[in-house]
Amino acid sequence: MVGSLGLSFVRWNLLTPPTFVGLSNYTQLIARDRIFHKVLWNTLYFTITIVPLQLALGLILAVALNQAIRGLTFYRAIYFMPVVTNIVAAAMIFQWMFNRDFGIISAMIWRLAEVTGLPIQPPDWLNSTFWAKPAVVLLTLWKNMGFTMVIYLAGLQAIPHELYDAAKVDGAGALHRFRYVTIPMVSPTTFFLLVIQMIGAFQLFSEPYVMTNGGPAQATLTIVYYIYQNAFEFGRMGKASAIAWVLFAFIFIFTFIQIRLQRRWVHYEAGE
């Protein structure tokens, strides 16, 4: 870490000796690097879309799979399998699914248009600067939602059943029990997931790297991907280190804010 901080103050192409440039790498990023501004926006977009959706869908899945139903272990395993699936293989499958000409999603849309007579056409997902981002979001949700589900399942099973019994006696329906018992009692779990998933979203790399190669027109290029490009494709190790430390600053600030705000909405059990 200390070495990378030192590299952020030099210009170095991995071949010639480093040249000290002071804060030049940082000032160029902030003032003149339009690509950095774009990848910063892309990363923020992925963070504010993936994290809330992943939390909400993971909680819904966990509640559904916390019921006494037949084949419960099988269903839990099925929903967790994407977590241990190789991301390269998964991204290649999603590439095919989102292909406009012969992908299964486009085929379903064409079929719907044929049946209903509506003039609808599938978007060119991976070649559109607008639709490429949602495609990456869907892949990321599919890949990581099982982890969120498992952590929420652990939190749900730690809730004392007496609380639900008391709510039923007071006349609370299923939605009220979910709102006033389940959500407050799993708020420590939500806080934990919020922090680690926010950090993971800021470090998004594999999904856009394999699925879209950062395109089209850098629409899915993320900060970590841009670090990789500068370091190992463009030979700008000093600039890459500077970007990495800017990313660290963003993660630190957002994590610090979440830790400060958790006092307002995270409800720990008495004695913890």
C-alpha atoms as a PDB file:
ATOM      1  CA  MET A   1       0.000   0.000   0.000  1.00  0.00           C
ATOM      2  CA  VAL A   2       2.820   2.394   0.843  1.00  0.00           C
ATOM      3  CA  GLY A   3       4.526   1.483  -2.405  1.00  0.00           C
ATOM      4  CA  SER A   4       1.385   2.178  -4.433  1.00  0.00           C
ATOM      5  CA  LEU A   5       1.017   5.549  -2.718  1.00  0.00           C
ATOM      6  CA  GLY A   6       4.583   6.402  -3.712  1.00  0.00           C
ATOM      7  CA  LEU A   7       3.903   5.312  -7.302  1.00  0.00           C
ATOM      8  CA  SER A   8       0.958   7.717  -7.502  1.00  0.00           C
ATOM      9  CA  PHE A   9       3.456  10.616  -7.387  1.00  0.00           C
ATOM     10  CA  VAL A  10       5.604   9.413 -10.285  1.00  0.00           C
ATOM     11  CA  ARG A  11       5.349   8.752 -14.010  1.00  0.00           C
ATOM     12  CA  TRP A  12       6.416   5.179 -14.734  1.00  0.00           C
ATOM     13  CA  ASN A  13       5.834   2.887 -17.712  1.00  0.00           C
ATOM     14  CA  LEU A  14       7.329  -0.250 -16.073  1.00  0.00           C
ATOM     15  CA  LEU A  15      10.351  -0.066 -18.430  1.00  0.00           C
ATOM     16  CA  THR A  16      12.170   3.213 -17.772  1.00  0.00           C
ATOM     17  CA  PRO A  17      13.097   4.626 -14.346  1.00  0.00           C
ATOM     18  CA  PRO A  18      10.226   6.419 -12.515  1.00  0.00           C
ATOM     19  CA  THR A  19      10.040  10.213 -12.816  1.00  0.00           C
ATOM     20  CA  PHE A  20       8.708  12.223  -9.886  1.00  0.00           C
ATOM     21  CA  VAL A  21       5.769  14.440 -10.934  1.00  0.00           C
ATOM     22  CA  GLY A  22       4.257  15.375  -7.565  1.00  0.00           C
ATOM     23  CA  LEU A  23       0.472  15.773  -7.624  1.00  0.00           C
ATOM     24  CA  SER A  24       0.328  15.886 -11.419  1.00  0.00           C
ATOM     25  CA  ASN A  25      -1.377  12.491 -11.710  1.00  0.00           C
ATOM     26  CA  TYR A  26      -4.143  13.609  -9.339  1.00  0.00           C
ATOM     27  CA  THR A  27      -4.663  17.050 -10.888  1.00  0.00           C
ATOM     28  CA  GLN A  28      -4.882  15.564 -14.380  1.00  0.00           C
ATOM     29  CA  LEU A  29      -7.530  13.105 -13.210  1.00  0.00           C
ATOM     30  CA  ILE A  30      -9.680  15.801 -11.659  1.00  0.00           C
ATOM     31  CA  ALA A  31      -9.181  18.606 -14.164  1.00  0.00           C
ATOM     32  CA  ARG A  32      -8.521  17.078 -17.586  1.00  0.00           C
ATOM     33  CA  ASP A  33      -9.289  13.368 -17.732  1.00  0.00           C
ATOM     34  CA  ARG A  34     -12.793  13.140 -19.223  1.00  0.00           C
ATOM     35  CA  ILE A  35     -12.629   9.348 -19.307  1.00  0.00           C
ATOM     36  CA  PHE A  36     -12.073   9.277 -15.558  1.00  0.00           C
ATOM     37  CA  HIS A  37     -15.136  11.458 -15.050  1.00  0.00           C
ATOM     38  CA  LYS A  38     -17.122   9.043 -17.201  1.00  0.00           C
ATOM     39  CA  VAL A  39     -15.934   5.908 -15.422  1.00  0.00           C
ATOM     40  CA  LEU A  40     -16.640   7.564 -12.086  1.00  0.00           C
ATOM     41  CA  TRP A  41     -20.235   8.166 -13.157  1.00  0.00           C
ATOM     42  CA  ASN A  42     -20.491   4.606 -14.482  1.00  0.00           C
ATOM     43  CA  THR A  43     -19.259   3.228 -11.164  1.00  0.00           C
ATOM     44  CA  LEU A  44     -21.711   5.364  -9.192  1.00  0.00           C
ATOM     45  CA  TYR A  45     -24.517   4.201 -11.493  1.00  0.00           C
ATOM     46  CA  PHE A  46     -23.681   0.556 -10.855  1.00  0.00           C
ATOM     47  CA  THR A  47     -23.418   1.179  -7.115  1.00  0.00           C
ATOM     48  CA  ILE A  48     -26.760   2.957  -6.696  1.00  0.00           C
ATOM     49  CA  THR A  49     -28.591   0.413  -8.863  1.00  0.00           C
ATOM     50  CA  ILE A  50     -26.995  -2.903  -7.902  1.00  0.00           C
ATOM     51  CA  VAL A  51     -26.795  -2.467  -4.119  1.00  0.00           C
ATOM     52  CA  PRO A  52     -30.462  -1.543  -3.386  1.00  0.00           C
ATOM     53  CA  LEU A  53     -31.803  -4.136  -5.837  1.00  0.00           C
ATOM     54  CA  GLN A  54     -29.522  -6.821  -4.450  1.00  0.00           C
ATOM     55  CA  LEU A  55     -30.591  -6.071  -0.883  1.00  0.00           C
ATOM     56  CA  ALA A  56     -34.300  -5.989  -1.704  1.00  0.00           C
ATOM     57  CA  LEU A  57     -34.341  -9.118  -3.875  1.00  0.00           C
ATOM     58  CA  GLY A  58     -32.077 -11.006  -1.489  1.00  0.00           C
ATOM     59  CA  LEU A  59     -34.367 -10.234   1.445  1.00  0.00           C
ATOM     60  CA  ILE A  60     -37.471 -11.276  -0.507  1.00  0.00           C
ATOM     61  CA  LEU A  61     -35.818 -14.560  -1.484  1.00  0.00           C
ATOM     62  CA  ALA A  62     -34.662 -15.173   2.080  1.00  0.00           C
ATOM     63  CA  VAL A  63     -38.158 -14.605   3.489  1.00  0.00           C
ATOM     64  CA  ALA A  64     -39.637 -16.936   0.855  1.00  0.00           C
ATOM     65  CA  LEU A  65     -37.065 -19.640   1.572  1.00  0.00           C
ATOM     66  CA  ASN A  66     -37.428 -19.296   5.338  1.00  0.00           C
ATOM     67  CA  GLN A  67     -40.853 -20.942   5.196  1.00  0.00           C
ATOM     68  CA  ALA A  68     -41.685 -24.582   5.933  1.00  0.00           C
ATOM     69  CA  ILE A  69     -41.998 -25.851   2.359  1.00  0.00           C
ATOM     70  CA  ARG A  70     -41.040 -29.131   0.714  1.00  0.00           C
ATOM     71  CA  GLY A  71     -37.667 -29.252  -1.023  1.00  0.00           C
ATOM     72  CA  LEU A  72     -36.387 -26.243   0.932  1.00  0.00           C
ATOM     73  CA  THR A  73     -32.737 -27.315   0.807  1.00  0.00           C
ATOM     74  CA  PHE A  74     -32.986 -27.887  -2.954  1.00  0.00           C
ATOM     75  CA  TYR A  75     -34.405 -24.416  -3.592  1.00  0.00           C
ATOM     76  CA  ARG A  76     -31.781 -22.780  -1.405  1.00  0.00           C
ATOM     77  CA  ALA A  77     -29.020 -24.610  -3.266  1.00  0.00           C
ATOM     78  CA  ILE A  78     -30.465 -23.601  -6.655  1.00  0.00           C
ATOM     79  CA  TYR A  79     -30.540 -19.912  -5.752  1.00  0.00           C
ATOM     80  CA  PHE A  80     -27.049 -20.060  -4.254  1.00  0.00           C
ATOM     81  CA  MET A  81     -25.437 -21.848  -7.218  1.00  0.00           C
ATOM     82  CA  PRO A  82     -24.723 -18.646  -9.229  1.00  0.00           C
ATOM     83  CA  VAL A  83     -22.454 -17.454  -6.402  1.00  0.00           C
ATOM     84  CA  VAL A  84     -20.044 -20.346  -7.023  1.00  0.00           C
ATOM     85  CA  THR A  85     -20.435 -20.231 -10.805  1.00  0.00           C
ATOM     86  CA  ASN A  86     -17.403 -19.103 -12.778  1.00  0.00           C
ATOM     87  CA  ILE A  87     -17.967 -15.467 -13.724  1.00  0.00           C
ATOM     88  CA  VAL A  88     -16.347 -15.862 -17.166  1.00  0.00           C
ATOM     89  CA  ALA A  89     -18.678 -18.716 -18.100  1.00  0.00           C
ATOM     90  CA  ALA A  90     -21.695 -16.842 -16.711  1.00  0.00           C
ATOM     91  CA  ALA A  91     -20.806 -13.642 -18.587  1.00  0.00           C
ATOM     92  CA  MET A  92     -20.439 -15.536 -21.865  1.00  0.00           C
ATOM     93  CA  ILE A  93     -23.874 -17.114 -21.383  1.00  0.00           C
ATOM     94  CA  PHE A  94     -25.356 -13.675 -20.696  1.00  0.00           C
ATOM     95  CA  GLN A  95     -23.608 -12.357 -23.811  1.00  0.00           C
ATOM     96  CA  TRP A  96     -25.520 -14.918 -25.835  1.00  0.00           C
ATOM     97  CA  MET A  97     -28.800 -14.228 -24.011  1.00  0.00           C
ATOM     98  CA  PHE A  98     -28.533 -10.493 -24.698  1.00  0.00           C
ATOM     99  CA  ASN A  99     -27.480 -10.864 -28.335  1.00  0.00           C
ATOM    100  CA  ARG A 100     -30.013  -8.956 -30.440  1.00  0.00           C
ATOM    101  CA  ASP A 101     -29.939 -11.303 -33.421  1.00  0.00           C
ATOM    102  CA  PHE A 102     -30.046 -14.782 -31.905  1.00  0.00           C
ATOM    103  CA  GLY A 103     -30.264 -14.366 -28.112  1.00  0.00           C
ATOM    104  CA  ILE A 104     -33.084 -15.951 -26.154  1.00  0.00           C
ATOM    105  CA  ILE A 105     -34.299 -12.613 -24.751  1.00  0.00           C
ATOM    106  CA  SER A 106     -34.626 -11.117 -28.237  1.00  0.00           C
ATOM    107  CA  ALA A 107     -36.367 -14.296 -29.420  1.00  0.00           C
ATOM    108  CA  MET A 108     -38.947 -13.929 -26.642  1.00  0.00           C
ATOM    109  CA  ILE A 109     -39.561 -10.272 -27.549  1.00  0.00           C
ATOM    110  CA  TRP A 110     -39.905 -11.106 -31.256  1.00  0.00           C
ATOM    111  CA  ARG A 111     -42.360 -13.869 -30.367  1.00  0.00           C
ATOM    112  CA  LEU A 112     -44.362 -11.499 -28.151  1.00  0.00           C
ATOM    113  CA  ALA A 113     -44.547  -8.969 -30.979  1.00  0.00           C
ATOM    114  CA  GLU A 114     -45.719 -11.696 -33.361  1.00  0.00           C
ATOM    115  CA  VAL A 115     -48.446 -12.931 -31.006  1.00  0.00           C
ATOM    116  CA  THR A 116     -49.762  -9.541 -29.913  1.00  0.00           C
ATOM    117  CA  GLY A 117     -49.208  -7.652 -33.161  1.00  0.00           C
ATOM    118  CA  LEU A 118     -47.477  -4.851 -31.284  1.00  0.00           C
ATOM    119  CA  PRO A 119     -44.638  -3.028 -33.100  1.00  0.00           C
ATOM    120  CA  ILE A 120     -42.007  -3.867 -30.487  1.00  0.00           C
ATOM    121  CA  GLN A 121     -38.387  -4.722 -31.179  1.00  0.00           C
ATOM    122  CA  PRO A 122     -35.669  -5.961 -28.849  1.00  0.00           C
ATOM    123  CA  PRO A 123     -32.977  -3.399 -28.035  1.00  0.00           C
ATOM    124  CA  ASP A 124     -29.407  -3.951 -29.149  1.00  0.00           C
ATOM    125  CA  TRP A 125     -28.400  -4.606 -25.542  1.00  0.00           C
ATOM    126  CA  LEU A 126     -24.634  -4.898 -25.672  1.00  0.00           C
ATOM    127  CA  ASN A 127     -24.094  -2.357 -28.472  1.00  0.00           C
ATOM    128  CA  SER A 128     -26.230   0.383 -26.920  1.00  0.00           C
ATOM    129  CA  THR A 129     -24.762   2.914 -24.513  1.00  0.00           C
ATOM    130  CA  PHE A 130     -28.136   2.977 -22.712  1.00  0.00           C
ATOM    131  CA  TRP A 131     -28.952  -0.748 -22.504  1.00  0.00           C
ATOM    132  CA  ALA A 132     -25.447  -2.108 -21.865  1.00  0.00           C
ATOM    133  CA  LYS A 133     -25.486  -0.871 -18.264  1.00  0.00           C
ATOM    134  CA  PRO A 134     -28.761  -2.662 -17.327  1.00  0.00           C
ATOM    135  CA  ALA A 135     -27.385  -5.824 -18.940  1.00  0.00           C
ATOM    136  CA  VAL A 136     -24.334  -5.715 -16.660  1.00  0.00           C
ATOM    137  CA  VAL A 137     -26.588  -4.963 -13.674  1.00  0.00           C
ATOM    138  CA  LEU A 138     -28.733  -8.030 -14.404  1.00  0.00           C
ATOM    139  CA  LEU A 139     -25.679 -10.274 -14.646  1.00  0.00           C
ATOM    140  CA  THR A 140     -24.313  -8.921 -11.357  1.00  0.00           C
ATOM    141  CA  LEU A 141     -27.652  -9.388  -9.596  1.00  0.00           C
ATOM    142  CA  TRP A 142     -27.955 -12.965 -10.845  1.00  0.00           C
ATOM    143  CA  LYS A 143     -24.379 -13.721  -9.764  1.00  0.00           C
ATOM    144  CA  ASN A 144     -24.437 -12.241  -6.261  1.00  0.00           C
ATOM    145  CA  MET A 145     -28.047 -12.355  -5.063  1.00  0.00           C
ATOM    146  CA  GLY A 146     -27.605 -15.853  -3.614  1.00  0.00           C
ATOM    147  CA  PHE A 147     -24.960 -14.599  -1.194  1.00  0.00           C
ATOM    148  CA  THR A 148     -27.299 -11.858   0.013  1.00  0.00           C
ATOM    149  CA  MET A 149     -30.046 -14.445   0.436  1.00  0.00           C
ATOM    150  CA  VAL A 150     -27.884 -16.725   2.594  1.00  0.00           C
ATOM    151  CA  ILE A 151     -26.773 -13.911   4.898  1.00  0.00           C
ATOM    152  CA  TYR A 152     -30.365 -12.728   5.285  1.00  0.00           C
ATOM    153  CA  LEU A 153     -31.473 -16.307   6.027  1.00  0.00           C
ATOM    154  CA  ALA A 154     -29.050 -16.388   8.940  1.00  0.00           C
ATOM    155  CA  GLY A 155     -30.444 -13.077  10.194  1.00  0.00           C
ATOM    156  CA  LEU A 156     -34.061 -14.217   9.843  1.00  0.00           C
ATOM    157  CA  GLN A 157     -33.451 -17.434  11.748  1.00  0.00           C
ATOM    158  CA  ALA A 158     -32.007 -15.448  14.637  1.00  0.00           C
ATOM    159  CA  ILE A 159     -35.255 -13.490  15.150  1.00  0.00           C
ATOM    160  CA  PRO A 160     -37.124 -14.775  18.238  1.00  0.00           C
ATOM    161  CA  HIS A 161     -40.399 -16.376  17.135  1.00  0.00           C
ATOM    162  CA  GLU A 162     -42.106 -14.847  20.172  1.00  0.00           C
ATOM    163  CA  LEU A 163     -41.998 -11.452  18.468  1.00  0.00           C
ATOM    164  CA  TYR A 164     -44.117 -12.746  15.584  1.00  0.00           C
ATOM    165  CA  ASP A 165     -46.518 -14.417  18.021  1.00  0.00           C
ATOM    166  CA  ALA A 166     -46.924 -11.165  19.945  1.00  0.00           C
ATOM    167  CA  ALA A 167     -47.536  -9.250  16.707  1.00  0.00           C
ATOM    168  CA  LYS A 168     -50.205 -11.761  15.685  1.00  0.00           C
ATOM    169  CA  VAL A 169     -51.932 -11.387  19.044  1.00  0.00           C
ATOM    170  CA  ASP A 170     -51.972  -7.623  18.524  1.00  0.00           C
ATOM    171  CA  GLY A 171     -53.705  -8.180  15.170  1.00  0.00           C
ATOM    172  CA  ALA A 172     -50.751  -7.478  12.846  1.00  0.00           C
ATOM    173  CA  GLY A 173     -51.077  -9.011   9.385  1.00  0.00           C
ATOM    174  CA  ALA A 174     -48.267 -10.508   7.328  1.00  0.00           C
ATOM    175  CA  LEU A 175     -47.231  -7.179   5.789  1.00  0.00           C
ATOM    176  CA  HIS A 176     -47.256  -5.397   9.142  1.00  0.00           C
ATOM    177  CA  ARG A 177     -45.182  -8.182  10.732  1.00  0.00           C
ATOM    178  CA  PHE A 178     -42.689  -7.860   7.870  1.00  0.00           C
ATOM    179  CA  ARG A 179     -42.572  -4.073   8.206  1.00  0.00           C
ATOM    180  CA  TYR A 180     -42.439  -3.742  11.970  1.00  0.00           C
ATOM    181  CA  VAL A 181     -40.746  -6.977  13.070  1.00  0.00           C
ATOM    182  CA  THR A 182     -38.679  -8.505  10.253  1.00  0.00           C
ATOM    183  CA  ILE A 183     -37.103  -5.377   8.783  1.00  0.00           C
ATOM    184  CA  PRO A 184     -36.024  -3.830  12.132  1.00  0.00           C
ATOM    185  CA  MET A 185     -34.701  -7.147  13.434  1.00  0.00           C
ATOM    186  CA  VAL A 186     -32.560  -7.786  10.335  1.00  0.00           C
ATOM    187  CA  SER A 187     -31.282  -4.207  10.184  1.00  0.00           C
ATOM    188  CA  PRO A 188     -27.814  -5.228  11.526  1.00  0.00           C
ATOM    189  CA  THR A 189     -27.638  -7.794   8.713  1.00  0.00           C
ATOM    190  CA  THR A 190     -28.759  -5.143   6.224  1.00  0.00           C
ATOM    191  CA  PHE A 191     -26.056  -2.785   7.465  1.00  0.00           C
ATOM    192  CA  PHE A 192     -23.374  -5.459   7.076  1.00  0.00           C
ATOM    193  CA  LEU A 193     -24.549  -6.325   3.553  1.00  0.00           C
ATOM    194  CA  LEU A 194     -24.893  -2.664   2.597  1.00  0.00           C
ATOM    195  CA  VAL A 195     -21.271  -1.936   3.480  1.00  0.00           C
ATOM    196  CA  ILE A 196     -19.664  -4.967   1.838  1.00  0.00           C
ATOM    197  CA  GLN A 197     -21.868  -4.797  -1.271  1.00  0.00           C
ATOM    198  CA  MET A 198     -21.199  -1.098  -1.699  1.00  0.00           C
ATOM    199  CA  ILE A 199     -17.476  -1.830  -1.565  1.00  0.00           C
ATOM    200  CA  GLY A 200     -17.962  -4.668  -4.049  1.00  0.00           C
ATOM    201  CA  ALA A 201     -19.945  -2.437  -6.425  1.00  0.00           C
ATOM    202  CA  PHE A 202     -17.196   0.194  -6.378  1.00  0.00           C
ATOM    203  CA  GLN A 203     -14.743  -2.557  -7.326  1.00  0.00           C
ATOM    204  CA  LEU A 204     -16.852  -3.996 -10.158  1.00  0.00           C
ATOM    205  CA  PHE A 205     -14.529  -5.411 -12.805  1.00  0.00           C
ATOM    206  CA  SER A 206     -15.107  -8.974 -14.025  1.00  0.00           C
ATOM    207  CA  GLU A 207     -18.675  -8.494 -15.290  1.00  0.00           C
ATOM    208  CA  PRO A 208     -18.026  -5.547 -17.645  1.00  0.00           C
ATOM    209  CA  TYR A 209     -14.578  -6.859 -18.560  1.00  0.00           C
ATOM    210  CA  VAL A 210     -15.901 -10.157 -19.903  1.00  0.00           C
ATOM    211  CA  MET A 211     -19.400  -9.190 -20.998  1.00  0.00           C
ATOM    212  CA  THR A 212     -18.935  -5.820 -22.713  1.00  0.00           C
ATOM    213  CA  ASN A 213     -15.179  -5.108 -22.620  1.00  0.00           C
ATOM    214  CA  GLY A 214     -16.050  -1.751 -21.092  1.00  0.00           C
ATOM    215  CA  GLY A 215     -18.077  -0.683 -24.119  1.00  0.00           C
ATOM    216  CA  PRO A 216     -19.793   0.463 -26.097  1.00  0.00           C
ATOM    217  CA  ALA A 217     -18.117   3.888 -26.106  1.00  0.00           C
ATOM    218  CA  GLN A 218     -16.886   3.272 -22.513  1.00  0.00           C
ATOM    219  CA  ALA A 219     -20.492   3.067 -21.295  1.00  0.00           C
ATOM    220  CA  THR A 220     -19.684   0.208 -18.904  1.00  0.00           C
ATOM    221  CA  LEU A 221     -16.077   1.111 -18.106  1.00  0.00           C
ATOM    222  CA  THR A 222     -15.610   1.142 -14.313  1.00  0.00           C
ATOM    223  CA  ILE A 223     -12.909   2.620 -12.091  1.00  0.00           C
ATOM    224  CA  VAL A 224     -11.191  -0.714 -11.433  1.00  0.00           C
ATOM    225  CA  TYR A 225     -11.307  -1.547 -15.141  1.00  0.00           C
ATOM    226  CA  TYR A 226      -9.764   1.867 -15.873  1.00  0.00           C
ATOM    227  CA  ILE A 227      -7.030   1.146 -13.314  1.00  0.00           C
ATOM    228  CA  TYR A 228      -6.301  -2.127 -15.130  1.00  0.00           C
ATOM    229  CA  GLN A 229      -6.173  -0.382 -18.508  1.00  0.00           C
ATOM    230  CA  ASN A 230      -3.796   2.333 -17.354  1.00  0.00           C
ATOM    231  CA  ALA A 231      -1.472  -0.052 -15.548  1.00  0.00           C
ATOM    232  CA  PHE A 232      -1.270  -3.025 -17.905  1.00  0.00           C
ATOM    233  CA  GLU A 233      -2.484  -1.787 -21.301  1.00  0.00           C
ATOM    234  CA  PHE A 234      -1.266   1.822 -21.443  1.00  0.00           C
ATOM    235  CA  GLY A 235       1.820   1.459 -19.199  1.00  0.00           C
ATOM    236  CA  ARG A 236       0.808   4.335 -16.919  1.00  0.00           C
ATOM    237  CA  MET A 237       1.560   2.798 -13.551  1.00  0.00           C
ATOM    238  CA  GLY A 238       1.718   6.130 -11.725  1.00  0.00           C
ATOM    239  CA  LYS A 239      -1.671   7.227 -13.021  1.00  0.00           C
ATOM    240  CA  ALA A 240      -3.169   3.820 -12.227  1.00  0.00           C
ATOM    241  CA  SER A 241      -1.920   4.092  -8.637  1.00  0.00           C
ATOM    242  CA  ALA A 242      -3.419   7.572  -8.344  1.00  0.00           C
ATOM    243  CA  ILE A 243      -6.805   6.286  -9.555  1.00  0.00           C
ATOM    244  CA  ALA A 244      -6.572   3.426  -7.047  1.00  0.00           C
ATOM    245  CA  TRP A 245      -6.058   5.871  -4.189  1.00  0.00           C
ATOM    246  CA  VAL A 246      -8.943   8.034  -5.391  1.00  0.00           C
ATOM    247  CA  LEU A 247     -11.078   4.890  -5.353  1.00  0.00           C
ATOM    248  CA  PHE A 248      -9.878   4.157  -1.820  1.00  0.00           C
ATOM    249  CA  ALA A 249     -10.922   7.668  -0.783  1.00  0.00           C
ATOM    250  CA  PHE A 250     -14.409   7.188  -2.223  1.00  0.00           C
ATOM    251  CA  ILE A 251     -14.846   3.818  -0.522  1.00  0.00           C
ATOM    252  CA  PHE A 252     -13.570   5.195   2.787  1.00  0.00           C
ATOM    253  CA  ILE A 253     -15.897   8.224   2.665  1.00  0.00           C
ATOM    254  CA  PHE A 254     -18.995   6.222   1.739  1.00  0.00           C
ATOM    255  CA  THR A 255     -18.235   3.556   4.361  1.00  0.00           C
ATOM    256  CA  PHE A 256     -17.650   6.210   7.018  1.00  0.00           C
ATOM    257  CA  ILE A 257     -20.985   7.848   6.154  1.00  0.00           C
ATOM    258  CA  GLN A 258     -22.789   4.518   6.446  1.00  0.00           C
ATOM    259  CA  ILE A 259     -21.196   3.806   9.815  1.00  0.00           C
ATOM    260  CA  ARG A 260     -22.291   7.219  11.081  1.00  0.00           C
ATOM    261  CA  LEU A 261     -25.839   6.876   9.731  1.00  0.00           C
ATOM    262  CA  GLN A 262     -26.358   3.344  11.060  1.00  0.00           C
ATOM    263  CA  ARG A 263     -27.145   4.747  14.506  1.00  0.00           C
ATOM    264  CA  ARG A 264     -30.418   6.103  13.110  1.00  0.00           C
ATOM    265  CA  TRP A 265     -31.799   2.951  11.504  1.00  0.00           C
ATOM    266  CA  VAL A 266     -29.927  -0.115  12.768  1.00  0.00           C
ATOM    267  CA  HIS A 267     -31.671  -1.731  15.740  1.00  0.00           C
ATOM    268  CA  TYR A 268     -29.525  -4.049  17.833  1.00  0.00           C
ATOM    269  CA  GLU A 269     -31.008  -6.366  20.434  1.00  0.00           C
ATOM    270  CA  ALA A 270     -30.705  -5.305  24.038  1.00  0.00           C
ATOM    271  CA  GLY A 271     -27.371  -6.234  25.559  1.00  0.00           C
ATOM    272  CA  GLU A 272     -25.424  -6.282  22.284  1.00  0.00           C
END
